[in-house]
C-alpha atoms as a PDB file:
ATOM      1  CA  UNK A   1      77.616  86.366 153.854  1.00  0.00           C
ATOM      2  CA  UNK A   2      81.122  86.478 152.490  1.00  0.00           C
ATOM      3  CA  UNK A   3      82.413  83.137 151.268  1.00  0.00           C
ATOM      4  CA  UNK A   4      86.203  83.033 151.345  1.00  0.00           C
ATOM      5  CA  UNK A   5      86.392  79.931 149.077  1.00  0.00           C
ATOM      6  CA  UNK A   6      84.235  81.562 146.400  1.00  0.00           C
ATOM      7  CA  UNK A   7      86.397  84.689 146.454  1.00  0.00           C
ATOM      8  CA  UNK A   8      89.571  82.588 146.139  1.00  0.00           C
ATOM      9  CA  UNK A   9      88.074  80.722 143.135  1.00  0.00           C
ATOM     10  CA  UNK A  10      87.261  83.998 141.389  1.00  0.00           C
ATOM     11  CA  UNK A  11      90.857  85.198 141.829  1.00  0.00           C
ATOM     12  CA  UNK A  12      92.329  81.900 140.619  1.00  0.00           C
ATOM     13  CA  UNK A  13      90.141  81.586 137.522  1.00  0.00           C
ATOM     14  CA  UNK A  14      90.887  84.201 134.831  1.00  0.00           C
ATOM     15  CA  UNK A  15      87.723  83.361 132.877  1.00  0.00           C
ATOM     16  CA  UNK A  16      85.564  83.852 135.946  1.00  0.00           C
ATOM     17  CA  UNK A  17      87.465  87.020 136.828  1.00  0.00           C
ATOM     18  CA  UNK A  18      86.733  88.354 133.314  1.00  0.00           C
ATOM     19  CA  UNK A  19      83.043  87.653 133.799  1.00  0.00           C
ATOM     20  CA  UNK A  20      83.051  89.475 137.130  1.00  0.00           C
ATOM     21  CA  UNK A  21      84.769  92.574 135.741  1.00  0.00           C
ATOM     22  CA  UNK A  22      82.752  95.546 134.645  1.00  0.00           C
ATOM     23  CA  UNK A  23      81.861  95.431 130.926  1.00  0.00           C
ATOM     24  CA  UNK A  24      83.435  98.835 130.343  1.00  0.00           C
ATOM     25  CA  UNK A  25      86.902  97.592 131.327  1.00  0.00           C
ATOM     26  CA  UNK A  26      86.557  94.524 129.079  1.00  0.00           C
ATOM     27  CA  UNK A  27      85.535  96.752 126.175  1.00  0.00           C
ATOM     28  CA  UNK A  28      88.441  99.084 126.883  1.00  0.00           C
ATOM     29  CA  UNK A  29      90.909  96.183 126.881  1.00  0.00           C
ATOM     30  CA  UNK A  30      89.464  94.844 123.613  1.00  0.00           C
ATOM     31  CA  UNK A  31      89.714  98.311 122.042  1.00  0.00           C
ATOM     32  CA  UNK A  32      93.352  98.570 123.145  1.00  0.00           C
ATOM     33  CA  UNK A  33      94.102  95.131 121.682  1.00  0.00           C
ATOM     34  CA  UNK A  34      92.375  96.082 118.420  1.00  0.00           C
ATOM     35  CA  UNK A  35      94.292  99.364 118.273  1.00  0.00           C
ATOM     36  CA  UNK A  36      97.608  97.571 118.831  1.00  0.00           C
ATOM     37  CA  UNK A  37      96.697  94.971 116.176  1.00  0.00           C
ATOM     38  CA  UNK A  38      95.676  97.647 113.669  1.00  0.00           C
ATOM     39  CA  UNK A  39      98.808  99.682 114.364  1.00  0.00           C
ATOM     40  CA  UNK A  40     101.024  96.641 113.789  1.00  0.00           C
ATOM     41  CA  UNK A  41      99.351  95.810 110.461  1.00  0.00           C
ATOM     42  CA  UNK A  42      99.616  99.427 109.324  1.00  0.00           C
ATOM     43  CA  UNK A  43     103.344  99.368 110.131  1.00  0.00           C
ATOM     44  CA  UNK A  44     103.734  96.165 108.118  1.00  0.00           C
ATOM     45  CA  UNK A  45     101.768  97.655 105.215  1.00  0.00           C
ATOM     46  CA  UNK A  46     103.939 100.796 105.285  1.00  0.00           C
ATOM     47  CA  UNK A  47     107.102  98.694 105.252  1.00  0.00           C
ATOM     48  CA  UNK A  48     105.821  96.645 102.316  1.00  0.00           C
ATOM     49  CA  UNK A  49     104.796  99.768 100.439  1.00  0.00           C
ATOM     50  CA  UNK A  50     108.160 101.364 101.141  1.00  0.00           C
ATOM     51  CA  UNK A  51     109.890  98.281  99.733  1.00  0.00           C
ATOM     52  CA  UNK A  52     107.628  98.301  96.675  1.00  0.00           C
ATOM     53  CA  UNK A  53     108.272 102.021  96.167  1.00  0.00           C
ATOM     54  CA  UNK A  54     112.034 101.451  96.391  1.00  0.00           C
ATOM     55  CA  UNK A  55     111.812  98.655  93.832  1.00  0.00           C
ATOM     56  CA  UNK A  56     109.740 100.849  91.501  1.00  0.00           C
ATOM     57  CA  UNK A  57     112.264 103.688  91.848  1.00  0.00           C
ATOM     58  CA  UNK A  58     115.156 101.293  91.106  1.00  0.00           C
ATOM     59  CA  UNK A  59     113.348 100.047  87.997  1.00  0.00           C
ATOM     60  CA  UNK A  60     112.745 103.614  86.844  1.00  0.00           C
ATOM     61  CA  UNK A  61     116.418 104.498  87.328  1.00  0.00           C
ATOM     62  CA  UNK A  62     117.450 101.358  85.407  1.00  0.00           C
ATOM     63  CA  UNK A  63     115.054 102.288  82.580  1.00  0.00           C
ATOM     64  CA  UNK A  64     116.511 105.803  82.415  1.00  0.00           C
ATOM     65  CA  UNK A  65     120.070 104.436  82.325  1.00  0.00           C
ATOM     66  CA  UNK A  66     119.102 101.953  79.609  1.00  0.00           C
ATOM     67  CA  UNK A  67     117.586 104.793  77.579  1.00  0.00           C
ATOM     68  CA  UNK A  68     120.752 106.878  78.019  1.00  0.00           C
ATOM     69  CA  UNK A  69     122.947 103.979  76.858  1.00  0.00           C
ATOM     70  CA  UNK A  70     120.654 103.315  73.873  1.00  0.00           C
ATOM     71  CA  UNK A  71     120.795 106.982  72.845  1.00  0.00           C
ATOM     72  CA  UNK A  72     124.585 107.006  73.210  1.00  0.00           C
ATOM     73  CA  UNK A  73     124.930 103.911  70.985  1.00  0.00           C
ATOM     74  CA  UNK A  74     122.592 105.387  68.356  1.00  0.00           C
ATOM     75  CA  UNK A  75     124.576 108.642  68.368  1.00  0.00           C
ATOM     76  CA  UNK A  76     127.874 106.752  67.946  1.00  0.00           C
ATOM     77  CA  UNK A  77     126.452 104.635  65.096  1.00  0.00           C
ATOM     78  CA  UNK A  78     125.152 107.753  63.381  1.00  0.00           C
ATOM     79  CA  UNK A  79     128.551 109.467  63.704  1.00  0.00           C
ATOM     80  CA  UNK A  80     130.284 106.298  62.449  1.00  0.00           C
ATOM     81  CA  UNK A  81     128.012 106.147  59.391  1.00  0.00           C
ATOM     82  CA  UNK A  82     128.470 109.870  58.775  1.00  0.00           C
ATOM     83  CA  UNK A  83     132.266 109.392  58.814  1.00  0.00           C
ATOM     84  CA  UNK A  84     131.975 106.725  56.099  1.00  0.00           C
ATOM     85  CA  UNK A  85     132.717 103.778  58.367  1.00  0.00           C
ATOM     86  CA  UNK A  86     135.816 105.299  59.852  1.00  0.00           C
ATOM     87  CA  UNK A  87     136.323 105.648  63.544  1.00  0.00           C
ATOM     88  CA  UNK A  88     135.457 109.139  64.737  1.00  0.00           C
ATOM     89  CA  UNK A  89     138.095 110.567  67.077  1.00  0.00           C
ATOM     90  CA  UNK A  90     136.952 112.310  70.197  1.00  0.00           C
ATOM     91  CA  UNK A  91     137.796 115.969  70.401  1.00  0.00           C
ATOM     92  CA  UNK A  92     138.438 117.390  73.796  1.00  0.00           C
END
């Protein structure tokens, strides 16, 4: 026999409704939740990596600029010493 009160209780109680569902649908929902969770963490990891890559690129550019400035100073000092301590005029 069909018990209307029991049916109403099953609809009102999510935990009981989960138990009454077919296992395949529960598994599917859990897989979807896991996929969404994994996707979100991969997005966060990509964003962090992108930020780290940008920082590494900025450091590399700063190192290259520092090297260029150092070479320029060494060249000027060498030219200054070659000119006997006199200021070397730029030509051009």
